[in-house]
Amino acid sequence: MGRNMDEIIGYCGLNCCTCPIYVATREKDEDKRRRMRADIAEEIRKHYGVEYKPEDINDCDGCGSESDRLFAGSNN
C-alpha cells in the first residue's frame, strides 16, 4: 500500500505537509512561491541566525519520500 503524503514525517520530526519549504515546493503560482521562499529565508535568519537568500530555498519533497529533492539546509 502506498504512503499518503500527509503521513510523511521528516527526520527533523516535522510533518512535511505543514513544513513551509515543502508547501512552497508544491505552490503552482511562481510569484507566491517566490514570496513564500523570501518569508522562509527571513524566518531561518531570525530563528537560527543563518543567512539564506530566497533563491537558496530549494525544492524539497521530504526526506521520508522516495525523491532525491531535499532542502539543502537539511544537510547542514
Protein backbone atom coordinates (compact mmCIF):
# COMPACT_ATOMS: atom_id res chain seq x y z
CA MET A 1 0.00 0.00 0.00
CA GLY A 2 1.35 3.48 -0.90
CA ARG A 3 2.06 6.19 1.64
CA ASN A 4 -0.20 9.17 1.93
CA MET A 5 1.84 12.41 1.65
CA ASP A 6 0.18 13.82 4.78
CA GLU A 7 1.80 10.97 6.71
CA ILE A 8 5.39 11.74 5.72
CA ILE A 9 7.33 12.73 8.80
CA GLY A 10 10.80 14.08 8.05
CA TYR A 11 13.89 13.14 10.00
CA CYS A 12 13.55 16.59 11.60
CA GLY A 13 10.25 15.45 13.11
CA LEU A 14 8.07 17.78 11.04
CA ASN A 15 5.05 16.62 9.10
CA CYS A 16 6.05 17.55 5.56
CA CYS A 17 2.56 18.82 4.73
CA THR A 18 2.91 21.53 7.39
CA CYS A 19 6.54 22.39 6.52
CA PRO A 20 6.77 25.79 4.77
CA ILE A 21 9.54 24.58 2.44
CA TYR A 22 7.54 21.53 1.39
CA VAL A 23 4.42 23.67 0.91
CA ALA A 24 6.37 26.22 -1.19
CA THR A 25 7.68 23.38 -3.35
CA ARG A 26 4.10 22.47 -4.24
CA GLU A 27 2.91 26.03 -4.90
CA LYS A 28 2.00 26.47 -8.58
CA ASP A 29 1.93 30.29 -8.62
CA GLU A 30 5.54 31.40 -9.21
CA ASP A 31 5.07 34.84 -7.60
CA LYS A 32 3.52 33.33 -4.50
CA ARG A 33 6.27 30.70 -4.35
CA ARG A 34 8.91 33.46 -4.54
CA ARG A 35 7.24 35.35 -1.66
CA MET A 36 6.96 32.16 0.38
CA ARG A 37 10.67 31.44 -0.09
CA ALA A 38 11.56 35.00 0.94
CA ASP A 39 9.48 34.55 4.11
CA ILE A 40 11.18 31.21 4.81
CA ALA A 41 14.65 32.74 4.38
CA GLU A 42 13.72 35.51 6.83
CA GLU A 43 12.38 33.02 9.40
CA ILE A 44 15.57 30.94 9.16
CA ARG A 45 17.62 34.09 9.75
CA LYS A 46 15.51 35.17 12.74
CA HIS A 47 15.29 31.79 14.44
CA TYR A 48 18.63 30.20 13.60
CA GLY A 49 20.93 33.10 12.69
CA VAL A 50 21.72 31.52 9.32
CA GLU A 51 21.68 33.78 6.27
CA TYR A 52 19.68 32.36 3.37
CA LYS A 53 18.51 34.16 0.25
CA PRO A 54 15.11 33.21 -1.19
CA GLU A 55 16.90 31.51 -4.09
CA ASP A 56 18.74 29.31 -1.55
CA ILE A 57 15.43 27.74 -0.53
CA ASN A 58 15.34 24.84 -2.95
CA ASP A 59 12.58 22.32 -3.61
CA CYS A 60 12.01 19.61 -1.04
CA ASP A 61 9.80 16.54 -1.31
CA GLY A 62 10.62 15.44 2.23
CA CYS A 63 13.41 13.18 3.41
CA GLY A 64 10.90 10.41 4.02
CA SER A 65 9.86 10.41 0.36
CA GLU A 66 11.42 8.42 -2.45
CA SER A 67 12.51 11.64 -4.22
CA ASP A 68 16.05 12.99 -4.26
CA ARG A 69 14.82 16.58 -3.81
CA LEU A 70 15.73 17.59 -0.24
CA PHE A 71 16.11 21.05 1.29
CA ALA A 72 19.83 21.84 1.20
CA GLY A 73 19.69 23.15 4.78
CA SER A 74 18.83 19.64 5.94
CA ASN A 75 22.37 18.61 5.10
CA ASN A 76 23.97 21.29 7.31
